[in-house]
Protein backbone atom coordinates (compact mmCIF):
# COMPACT_ATOMS: atom_id res chain seq x y z
CA MET A 1 111.94 101.84 112.49
CA ALA A 2 111.28 105.39 113.76
CA LYS A 3 108.20 105.85 115.92
CA ALA A 4 105.64 108.60 115.52
CA VAL A 5 105.78 110.87 118.55
CA SER A 6 102.59 111.92 120.32
CA SER A 7 103.63 115.56 120.82
CA LEU A 8 100.14 116.88 121.49
CA GLU A 9 98.63 116.85 124.95
CA LEU A 10 96.34 113.89 125.55
CA THR A 11 92.89 114.77 126.86
CA LEU A 12 92.35 113.14 130.27
CA HIS A 13 89.04 112.97 132.12
CA SER A 14 88.68 114.38 135.63
CA ARG A 15 89.90 112.17 138.46
CA PRO A 16 87.22 110.80 140.81
CA ASP A 17 87.77 111.84 144.40
CA GLN A 18 88.22 108.31 145.68
CA GLN A 19 90.80 107.28 143.03
CA THR A 20 94.56 107.65 143.48
CA LEU A 21 96.54 109.62 140.90
CA THR A 22 98.43 106.56 139.72
CA ASP A 23 95.28 104.44 139.31
CA TRP A 24 93.53 107.29 137.52
CA LEU A 25 96.40 107.92 135.09
CA HIS A 26 96.78 104.20 134.41
CA ALA A 27 93.06 103.88 133.63
CA GLU A 28 93.05 106.96 131.39
CA LEU A 29 96.07 105.82 129.36
CA ARG A 30 94.72 102.29 129.06
CA ALA A 31 91.38 103.62 127.79
CA ALA A 32 93.14 105.88 125.26
CA ILE A 33 95.05 102.87 123.93
CA LEU A 34 92.02 100.59 123.75
CA ASP A 35 89.75 103.09 122.01
CA GLY A 36 92.43 103.95 119.45
CA ARG A 37 93.33 107.49 120.52
CA LEU A 38 96.86 106.24 121.14
CA ARG A 39 97.60 103.94 118.22
CA PRO A 40 100.15 101.10 118.16
CA GLY A 41 103.62 102.46 117.43
CA ILE A 42 102.95 105.93 118.84
CA ARG A 43 105.83 107.04 121.06
CA LEU A 44 104.80 108.75 124.27
CA PRO A 45 106.50 111.90 125.54
CA ALA A 46 109.28 111.45 128.06
CA THR A 47 107.95 110.99 131.60
CA ARG A 48 109.33 114.37 132.65
CA ASP A 49 107.57 116.13 129.73
CA PHE A 50 104.36 114.18 130.30
CA ALA A 51 104.36 115.12 133.99
CA ARG A 52 104.84 118.81 133.15
CA GLN A 53 102.04 118.76 130.53
CA HIS A 54 99.49 117.37 133.03
CA SER A 55 100.79 118.96 136.26
CA LEU A 56 101.71 115.60 137.78
CA SER A 57 104.76 114.35 139.65
CA ARG A 58 107.23 112.43 137.53
CA GLY A 59 106.95 109.53 139.99
CA THR A 60 103.23 109.17 139.31
CA VAL A 61 103.87 109.05 135.56
CA VAL A 62 106.70 106.52 135.91
CA SER A 63 104.50 104.26 138.06
CA ALA A 64 101.62 104.37 135.55
CA PHE A 65 103.95 103.73 132.59
CA GLU A 66 105.62 100.78 134.33
CA ARG A 67 102.25 99.23 135.16
CA LEU A 68 101.06 99.54 131.55
CA GLN A 69 104.34 98.07 130.36
CA SER A 70 103.94 95.05 132.65
CA GLU A 71 100.43 94.53 131.22
CA GLY A 72 101.73 94.64 127.65
CA TYR A 73 100.19 97.95 126.62
CA LEU A 74 103.48 99.84 126.43
CA SER A 75 106.96 98.89 125.29
CA CYS A 76 110.13 100.54 126.52
CA ARG A 77 113.76 100.40 125.46
CA VAL A 78 116.62 102.44 126.88
CA GLY A 79 117.52 105.16 124.42
CA SER A 80 114.37 104.64 122.33
CA GLY A 81 111.68 105.87 124.70
CA THR A 82 108.25 104.42 125.46
CA TRP A 83 105.66 103.59 122.84
CA VAL A 84 102.32 101.82 122.48
CA SER A 85 102.85 98.12 121.84
CA ASN A 86 101.90 96.70 118.47
CA GLY A 87 100.04 93.78 119.99
CA VAL A 88 97.31 95.66 121.84
CA PRO A 89 93.68 94.56 121.26
CA ALA A 90 91.52 96.17 118.59
CA PRO A 91 89.99 99.49 119.68
CA GLU A 92 86.85 99.14 121.75
CA ALA A 93 85.25 101.86 119.61
CA ALA A 94 85.47 99.61 116.59
CA ARG A 95 83.91 96.72 118.51
CA SER A 96 81.05 98.89 119.71
CA ALA A 97 80.34 100.33 116.23
CA VAL A 98 77.82 97.54 115.61
CA SER A 99 75.49 99.05 118.21
CA LYS A 100 72.32 100.72 116.99
CA PRO A 101 73.04 104.25 115.68
CA PRO A 102 71.10 107.21 117.08
CA GLY A 103 67.78 108.22 115.55
CA TYR A 104 69.07 111.14 113.48
CA VAL A 105 71.60 108.82 111.81
CA ARG A 106 68.93 106.24 111.00
CA ARG A 107 66.71 108.97 109.51
CA ALA A 108 69.56 110.20 107.32
CA GLN A 109 70.35 106.66 106.23
CA SER A 110 66.75 105.87 105.28
CA ALA A 111 66.31 109.14 103.37
CA TYR A 112 69.55 108.88 101.39
CA ARG A 113 69.34 107.78 97.76
CA ARG A 114 72.60 107.27 95.94
CA PRO A 115 72.62 109.09 92.58
CA LYS A 116 71.81 106.81 89.66
CA ALA A 117 75.18 107.38 88.01
CA LEU A 118 77.02 106.25 91.15
CA ALA A 119 74.79 103.37 92.24
CA GLY A 120 76.70 100.12 92.61
CA LEU A 121 80.08 101.66 91.85
CA HIS A 122 83.03 100.60 93.96
CA ALA A 123 85.93 101.91 91.89
CA SER A 124 88.98 101.76 94.13
CA GLY A 125 92.55 100.61 93.91
CA PRO A 126 94.76 100.94 90.83
CA ALA A 127 93.03 102.18 87.68
CA ARG A 128 92.04 99.49 85.21
CA PRO A 129 91.11 100.02 81.56
CA PHE A 130 88.84 101.79 80.80
CA ARG A 131 88.28 103.94 83.90
CA MET A 132 87.26 107.32 82.57
CA ARG A 133 87.91 109.75 85.40
CA ASP A 134 91.72 109.67 85.48
CA PRO A 135 94.28 111.53 83.36
CA ALA A 136 97.80 110.21 82.80
CA ILE A 137 99.06 111.24 86.23
CA SER A 138 102.41 109.50 85.76
CA GLU A 139 103.17 111.83 82.84
CA PHE A 140 102.71 115.02 84.85
CA PRO A 141 105.96 117.05 85.19
CA SER A 142 106.05 116.60 88.96
CA ARG A 143 109.68 117.71 89.32
CA ILE A 144 108.92 121.06 87.72
CA TRP A 145 105.86 121.46 89.94
CA ALA A 146 107.88 120.52 93.03
CA ARG A 147 110.59 123.03 92.15
CA ILE A 148 108.03 125.82 91.76
CA ALA A 149 106.26 124.81 94.98
CA ALA A 150 109.58 124.77 96.87
CA ARG A 151 110.43 128.24 95.64
CA ARG A 152 107.03 129.47 96.76
CA ALA A 153 107.43 127.75 100.14
CA ARG A 154 110.64 129.66 100.78
CA GLY A 155 108.63 132.87 100.55
CA PHE A 156 105.69 131.56 102.52
CA ALA A 157 105.88 134.30 105.16
CA SER A 158 105.08 136.94 102.55
CA TRP A 159 102.32 134.73 101.10
CA LEU A 160 100.53 134.78 104.46
CA ALA A 161 100.00 138.51 104.03
CA THR A 162 98.40 138.12 100.58
CA GLU A 163 95.14 140.03 100.33
CA ASP A 164 92.09 137.78 99.89
CA ASP A 165 89.15 139.42 98.13
CA GLY A 166 87.21 136.14 97.93
CA ARG A 167 87.88 135.60 94.24
CA GLY A 168 91.18 133.78 94.62
CA TYR A 169 94.82 134.68 93.96
CA ARG A 170 94.72 137.64 91.59
CA PRO A 171 97.86 136.79 89.55
CA LEU A 172 96.37 133.32 88.93
CA ARG A 173 93.09 134.85 87.80
CA GLU A 174 95.04 137.10 85.44
CA ALA A 175 96.84 134.05 84.05
CA ILE A 176 93.53 132.19 83.63
CA ALA A 177 91.98 135.16 81.82
CA ASP A 178 94.91 135.21 79.37
CA TYR A 179 94.82 131.43 78.94
CA LEU A 180 91.07 131.27 78.32
CA GLY A 181 91.17 134.25 76.00
CA SER A 182 93.82 132.69 73.76
CA SER A 183 92.75 129.03 73.92
CA ARG A 184 88.96 129.27 74.13
CA GLY A 185 88.10 132.78 72.95
CA VAL A 186 86.58 133.61 76.33
CA ARG A 187 86.05 137.33 76.88
CA CYS A 188 86.37 138.41 80.49
CA THR A 189 88.16 140.63 82.96
CA VAL A 190 90.08 139.32 85.93
CA ASP A 191 87.28 140.37 88.30
CA GLN A 192 84.79 138.12 86.49
CA ILE A 193 86.80 135.04 87.47
CA VAL A 194 86.33 133.29 90.82
CA ILE A 195 88.55 130.39 91.86
CA VAL A 196 86.73 127.31 93.19
CA THR A 197 87.79 123.77 94.06
CA GLY A 198 86.42 122.35 90.83
CA VAL A 199 83.43 122.14 88.52
CA GLN A 200 81.27 120.43 91.14
CA GLN A 201 81.66 123.24 93.66
CA ALA A 202 80.91 125.74 90.90
CA LEU A 203 77.72 123.89 89.93
CA ASP A 204 76.61 123.57 93.54
CA LEU A 205 77.03 127.28 94.23
CA LEU A 206 75.43 128.35 90.95
CA ALA A 207 72.45 126.04 91.40
CA ARG A 208 71.69 127.34 94.89
CA LEU A 209 72.23 130.96 93.87
CA LEU A 210 70.21 130.93 90.64
CA LEU A 211 67.42 128.44 91.31
CA LYS A 212 64.56 128.20 93.77
CA PRO A 213 62.72 124.98 94.61
CA ASP A 214 60.71 123.67 91.64
CA ASP A 215 62.40 126.01 89.15
CA ALA A 216 62.84 124.26 85.80
CA VAL A 217 66.27 123.79 84.25
CA TRP A 218 67.15 122.16 80.92
CA MET A 219 69.48 119.20 81.26
CA GLU A 220 71.14 117.28 78.43
CA ASP A 221 69.78 113.73 78.21
CA PRO A 222 72.04 111.81 78.56
CA GLY A 223 74.17 114.24 80.50
CA TYR A 224 76.63 114.86 83.29
CA PHE A 225 75.45 113.40 86.59
CA GLY A 226 77.30 116.02 88.66
CA ALA A 227 75.06 118.75 87.26
CA THR A 228 71.97 116.65 87.98
CA ILE A 229 73.11 116.22 91.58
CA ALA A 230 73.73 119.95 92.03
CA PHE A 231 70.35 120.97 90.58
CA THR A 232 68.50 118.29 92.55
CA ASN A 233 70.15 119.45 95.78
CA ALA A 234 68.84 122.94 95.03
CA GLY A 235 65.31 121.56 94.63
CA ALA A 236 65.17 122.31 90.90
CA ARG A 237 63.01 120.42 88.43
CA MET A 238 64.97 118.65 85.72
CA ILE A 239 63.75 119.05 82.12
CA PRO A 240 65.48 116.24 80.19
CA VAL A 241 66.19 117.58 76.69
CA PRO A 242 67.25 115.04 74.05
CA VAL A 243 70.67 115.20 72.44
CA ASP A 244 71.39 114.27 68.82
CA GLU A 245 74.44 114.50 66.56
CA HIS A 246 74.30 118.33 66.71
CA GLY A 247 74.04 118.57 70.49
CA LEU A 248 71.11 119.52 72.69
CA SER A 249 67.90 120.01 70.71
CA VAL A 250 66.82 123.58 71.40
CA ALA A 251 63.52 123.02 69.55
CA ALA A 252 62.72 120.08 71.82
CA GLY A 253 63.62 122.14 74.88
CA ARG A 254 61.25 124.92 73.82
CA LYS A 255 58.42 122.44 73.42
CA LEU A 256 59.09 120.80 76.78
CA CYS A 257 59.56 123.97 78.85
CA PRO A 258 60.01 127.27 77.01
CA ARG A 259 60.28 129.34 80.22
CA ALA A 260 62.92 127.30 82.02
CA ARG A 261 65.15 129.30 84.35
CA GLY A 262 68.33 127.99 82.82
CA ALA A 263 70.20 125.23 81.04
CA TYR A 264 73.34 123.17 81.53
CA LEU A 265 75.48 122.38 78.48
CA THR A 266 78.72 120.64 77.53
CA PRO A 267 78.90 122.12 74.00
CA ALA A 268 82.57 121.51 73.17
CA HIS A 269 82.46 117.78 73.97
CA GLN A 270 79.02 116.57 75.02
CA PHE A 271 79.06 114.31 78.05
CA PRO A 272 78.84 111.36 77.55
CA LEU A 273 78.14 111.02 73.79
CA GLY A 274 81.05 113.18 72.69
CA MET A 275 79.70 115.32 69.84
CA THR A 276 80.32 119.05 69.43
CA MET A 277 77.32 121.36 69.45
CA SER A 278 76.76 122.87 66.01
CA LEU A 279 76.98 126.62 65.44
CA GLU A 280 73.29 126.71 64.47
CA ARG A 281 72.32 125.10 67.78
CA ARG A 282 74.63 127.43 69.70
CA MET A 283 73.01 130.50 68.16
CA ALA A 284 69.54 129.08 68.83
CA MET A 285 70.52 128.40 72.43
CA LEU A 286 71.72 131.98 72.97
CA LYS A 287 68.59 133.36 71.33
CA TRP A 288 66.35 131.28 73.60
CA ALA A 289 68.27 132.28 76.74
CA SER A 290 68.10 135.97 75.83
CA ARG A 291 64.35 135.90 75.25
CA ALA A 292 63.60 133.75 78.31
CA GLY A 293 65.95 135.65 80.61
CA ALA A 294 67.62 132.32 81.35
CA PHE A 295 71.17 131.41 82.28
CA ILE A 296 73.36 128.90 80.44
CA ILE A 297 76.07 127.08 82.37
CA GLU A 298 78.78 126.07 79.90
CA ASP A 299 80.88 123.24 81.34
CA ASP A 300 84.20 123.19 79.49
CA TYR A 301 85.53 120.11 81.23
CA ASP A 302 88.08 118.73 78.71
CA SER A 303 87.96 120.86 75.57
CA GLU A 304 91.76 121.33 75.61
CA TYR A 305 92.15 117.88 74.13
CA ARG A 306 91.01 117.98 70.53
CA PHE A 307 92.98 115.69 68.24
CA GLU A 308 91.75 116.75 64.80
CA GLY A 309 90.21 119.84 63.27
CA ARG A 310 90.36 123.40 64.53
CA PRO A 311 89.71 124.25 68.19
CA ILE A 312 86.07 125.13 68.86
CA PRO A 313 85.58 128.55 70.51
CA ALA A 314 83.56 128.62 73.71
CA LEU A 315 79.86 129.40 73.60
CA GLN A 316 80.66 132.26 75.97
CA SER A 317 82.79 133.87 73.27
CA ILE A 318 79.74 134.57 71.07
CA ASP A 319 77.37 135.55 73.89
CA SER A 320 76.56 139.26 73.78
CA GLY A 321 73.80 139.22 76.40
CA GLY A 322 75.63 138.01 79.52
CA ASN A 323 73.61 134.78 79.68
CA VAL A 324 76.52 132.32 79.67
CA ILE A 325 78.40 131.29 82.81
CA PHE A 326 81.62 129.46 81.91
CA VAL A 327 83.07 126.86 84.28
CA GLY A 328 86.23 124.79 84.03
CA SER A 329 88.92 123.05 86.05
CA PHE A 330 92.61 122.19 86.11
CA ASN A 331 91.98 119.00 88.08
CA LYS A 332 91.84 116.65 85.09
CA LEU A 333 94.06 118.85 82.99
CA LEU A 334 96.91 118.45 85.49
CA PHE A 335 96.10 116.11 88.42
CA PRO A 336 92.83 115.45 90.30
CA SER A 337 94.08 116.27 93.80
CA LEU A 338 94.98 119.83 92.74
CA ARG A 339 91.40 120.99 93.50
CA ILE A 340 91.50 124.23 91.51
CA GLY A 341 88.75 125.26 89.12
CA TYR A 342 87.20 128.53 88.04
CA VAL A 343 83.93 130.25 87.22
CA VAL A 344 83.77 133.02 84.61
CA LEU A 345 80.70 135.05 85.51
CA PRO A 346 78.86 137.85 83.71
CA ALA A 347 80.12 141.10 85.20
CA SER A 348 76.67 141.88 86.63
CA LEU A 349 76.58 138.55 88.56
CA ALA A 350 80.14 138.33 89.86
CA ASP A 351 79.68 140.26 93.13
CA TYR A 352 76.45 138.41 93.96
CA PHE A 353 78.11 135.03 93.36
CA LEU A 354 80.95 136.10 95.61
CA ALA A 355 78.59 137.23 98.35
CA TYR A 356 76.68 133.96 98.13
CA ARG A 357 79.89 131.97 98.38
CA TYR A 358 80.63 133.63 101.72
CA ARG A 359 77.76 131.63 103.20
CA THR A 360 79.90 128.51 103.16
CA ASP A 361 83.46 129.49 102.29
CA LEU A 362 85.11 132.55 103.82
CA ARG A 363 88.62 132.00 102.44
CA SER A 364 89.53 131.39 98.83
CA LEU A 365 93.34 131.50 98.81
CA SER A 366 95.69 128.50 98.89
CA PRO A 367 99.43 128.21 98.26
CA ASP A 368 98.68 125.82 95.37
CA GLN A 369 97.11 128.74 93.53
CA ALA A 370 100.45 130.55 93.54
CA THR A 371 102.23 127.41 92.35
CA LEU A 372 99.72 126.95 89.53
CA CYS A 373 100.10 130.61 88.57
CA ASP A 374 103.87 130.20 88.20
CA PHE A 375 103.33 126.93 86.31
CA ILE A 376 101.13 128.73 83.78
CA THR A 377 103.11 131.94 83.41
CA GLY A 378 106.38 130.00 83.15
CA GLY A 379 105.09 128.30 80.00
CA HIS A 380 104.90 124.85 81.59
CA LEU A 381 101.13 124.49 81.13
CA GLY A 382 101.37 125.12 77.40
CA ARG A 383 104.19 122.61 76.99
CA HIS A 384 102.37 120.04 79.10
CA LEU A 385 99.18 120.43 77.05
CA ARG A 386 101.01 120.01 73.75
CA ARG A 387 102.77 116.90 75.02
CA MET A 388 99.62 115.37 76.49
CA ARG A 389 97.58 116.14 73.38
CA GLU A 390 100.06 114.07 71.36
CA LEU A 391 100.14 111.31 73.98
CA TYR A 392 96.36 111.09 74.33
CA GLY A 393 95.91 111.23 70.57
CA GLY A 394 98.12 108.16 70.26
CA ARG A 395 96.20 106.34 72.97
CA LEU A 396 92.88 107.13 71.32
CA ALA A 397 94.25 105.88 68.00
CA ALA A 398 95.29 102.63 69.70
CA LEU A 399 91.79 102.28 71.16
CA LEU A 400 90.10 102.85 67.79
CA GLU A 401 92.47 100.54 65.92
CA GLY A 402 92.25 97.81 68.53
CA GLY A 403 88.48 98.16 68.71
CA GLN A 404 88.12 97.54 65.00
CA ARG A 405 90.23 94.43 65.33
CA CYS A 406 88.81 92.97 68.57
CA LEU A 407 85.24 94.22 68.84
CA GLN A 408 83.71 93.76 65.38
CA GLY A 409 80.02 93.03 65.78
CA LEU A 410 80.20 93.59 69.53
CA LEU A 411 80.95 97.25 70.17
CA GLU A 412 81.36 100.19 67.81
CA ILE A 413 83.65 102.88 69.20
CA SER A 414 82.82 106.48 68.33
CA THR A 415 85.33 108.24 66.10
CA VAL A 416 84.98 111.59 67.90
CA GLN A 417 88.54 112.90 68.17
CA ALA A 418 88.41 114.76 71.47
CA GLY A 419 88.53 114.45 75.24
CA LEU A 420 89.83 111.84 77.68
CA TYR A 421 87.17 109.21 76.97
CA THR A 422 85.01 108.05 74.10
CA ALA A 423 81.54 106.62 73.69
CA ALA A 424 81.06 103.11 72.33
CA PHE A 425 77.78 101.57 71.16
CA LEU A 426 76.77 97.96 71.68
CA ARG A 427 76.06 95.78 68.66
CA ASN A 428 75.63 92.45 70.45
CA GLY A 429 72.12 92.95 71.86
CA MET A 430 73.25 93.63 75.43
CA THR A 431 71.90 96.51 77.50
CA SER A 432 74.34 99.06 78.87
CA ARG A 433 74.08 97.62 82.38
CA GLU A 434 74.53 94.02 81.19
CA ALA A 435 77.65 95.05 79.28
CA GLU A 436 79.05 96.98 82.24
CA GLU A 437 78.57 94.03 84.59
CA ALA A 438 80.08 91.58 82.09
CA ALA A 439 83.08 93.85 81.65
CA ARG A 440 83.56 94.17 85.40
CA ALA A 441 83.52 90.38 85.75
CA HIS A 442 86.46 90.26 83.31
CA GLY A 443 88.51 92.95 85.07
CA VAL A 444 87.47 95.88 82.86
CA GLU A 445 86.02 99.18 84.09
CA ALA A 446 83.52 100.57 81.59
CA LEU A 447 80.47 102.55 82.63
CA GLY A 448 77.12 101.85 81.00
CA MET A 449 75.56 104.85 79.27
CA ASP A 450 72.23 104.27 80.98
CA ARG A 451 73.81 105.68 84.15
CA PHE A 452 73.71 109.14 82.58
CA THR A 453 70.15 109.17 81.22
CA LEU A 454 67.23 111.01 82.79
CA LYS A 455 64.23 110.08 80.67
CA ARG A 456 65.80 108.76 77.51
CA ALA A 457 65.80 105.03 76.81
CA ASP A 458 69.03 103.13 77.28
CA PRO A 459 71.41 104.27 74.49
CA GLY A 460 72.99 100.82 74.57
CA GLY A 461 76.62 101.70 75.06
CA LEU A 462 79.68 102.05 77.25
CA VAL A 463 81.94 104.96 78.12
CA LEU A 464 85.62 104.09 77.68
CA GLY A 465 88.40 106.18 79.21
CA PHE A 466 91.78 105.92 77.52
CA ALA A 467 93.89 108.77 78.93
CA ALA A 468 95.37 106.92 81.92
CA PHE A 469 96.48 103.79 80.01
CA ASP A 470 99.38 103.16 77.67
CA GLU A 471 98.85 101.42 74.35
CA MET A 472 99.75 97.98 75.68
CA GLU A 473 97.25 98.29 78.55
CA ILE A 474 94.60 99.46 76.08
CA ARG A 475 95.14 96.45 73.83
CA ARG A 476 95.02 94.01 76.74
CA GLY A 477 91.87 95.70 78.02
CA LEU A 478 90.22 95.39 74.60
CA VAL A 479 90.92 91.66 74.50
CA ARG A 480 89.29 91.20 77.92
CA LEU A 481 86.38 93.44 76.90
CA ALA A 482 85.82 91.40 73.74
CA THR A 483 85.69 88.23 75.81
CA ALA A 484 83.23 89.85 78.22
CA LEU A 485 80.92 90.93 75.40
CA GLY A 486 80.89 87.52 73.78
CA GLY A 487 83.72 87.72 71.30
């Protein structure tokens, strides 16, 4: 098995006056091995190269290496070089980690409060039904993406000279403007679009730019926890506004706080209940924002996947006052590690948003942006969306059909035909948290709806993701879920 080569120079501490060069080098290398800076299996440079790097004689290096080899720290084979032995003790740093942390760490630990939506979650390892955050990654056309990325890599030298105006790769922004205009009715110029790493970065920047401590902001209740986190970090005051079958209740929001600074909405597919905001509510929302001088952040997180009925235009498309800020992402649309999202800003705000972003992020370009641009303009995004819409529609149908068969009297799955997850309401008397814990005990991942409430009472339901699981996995998951809920 090939060894990893330590090609970088190893930092060595100064030699005490009374210590010989060989003893000093031996002690430094031994310490680097024991504290994990030189890991087992790492191949050391040749003695001649090592001596040149550290201005030592080759004889000194050979002596130190031989001594470490005799003690079992290094292994050597003619023709294979010298490497750190696999049987060395665990790093001393790991053993000393149990010591008392410094005061500033203890203060940070005591002050930290994990967000309600994330408390107690330990989702790791392979996805299990019905984890909601994952798309069908295995269905992504990775060969096409790799071919485009390879072509871009061959021209990487020219890419390095690409002008960065802080907004992101201009051809990608042009492609996004065309895509949003045709698919969502969004009206914007290329200079109104700023590329970000995803919706969460967009919300964080917008919250800190637009809100001061104690400013009030309307928040859907229940609603998206990421927005709550961003507004809380900015010191804003949450105004939980109830949601019904038509979306956020604008009348209730006016009664609770008519002069709020802004509002956060998921109008195309409300998170987590799933309904679409009615046109009447949309118009009322725009009217309120115009009169109050308030912003509306429209989070369009998965509107591409609508499985029945006509596509719903974005709220931004009917805004004539510049009150709506539209945010979206390709991370769930394509694959989560892509880390490319966008903000569509009113023209009057775009330069200020860009200037604010410079406080934390001075560069906005990445080679992945060029790859994504080619993926879109080459027609691959459109084909992928059509294919995934059909695939996800079939998986949702399997979930609804299986739910009727397995979960009668236990859980009623919403019939909303959109998105990558669906809401389901308990009919067995359990609370959301009781149902979530019972599901987890039976190998099922299903988040309780109470995680997403602010003031509202427990809706008594679960959120079920279906996008990442084939129909057989969905059916098996439903059987386990039925057992967990008492079926």
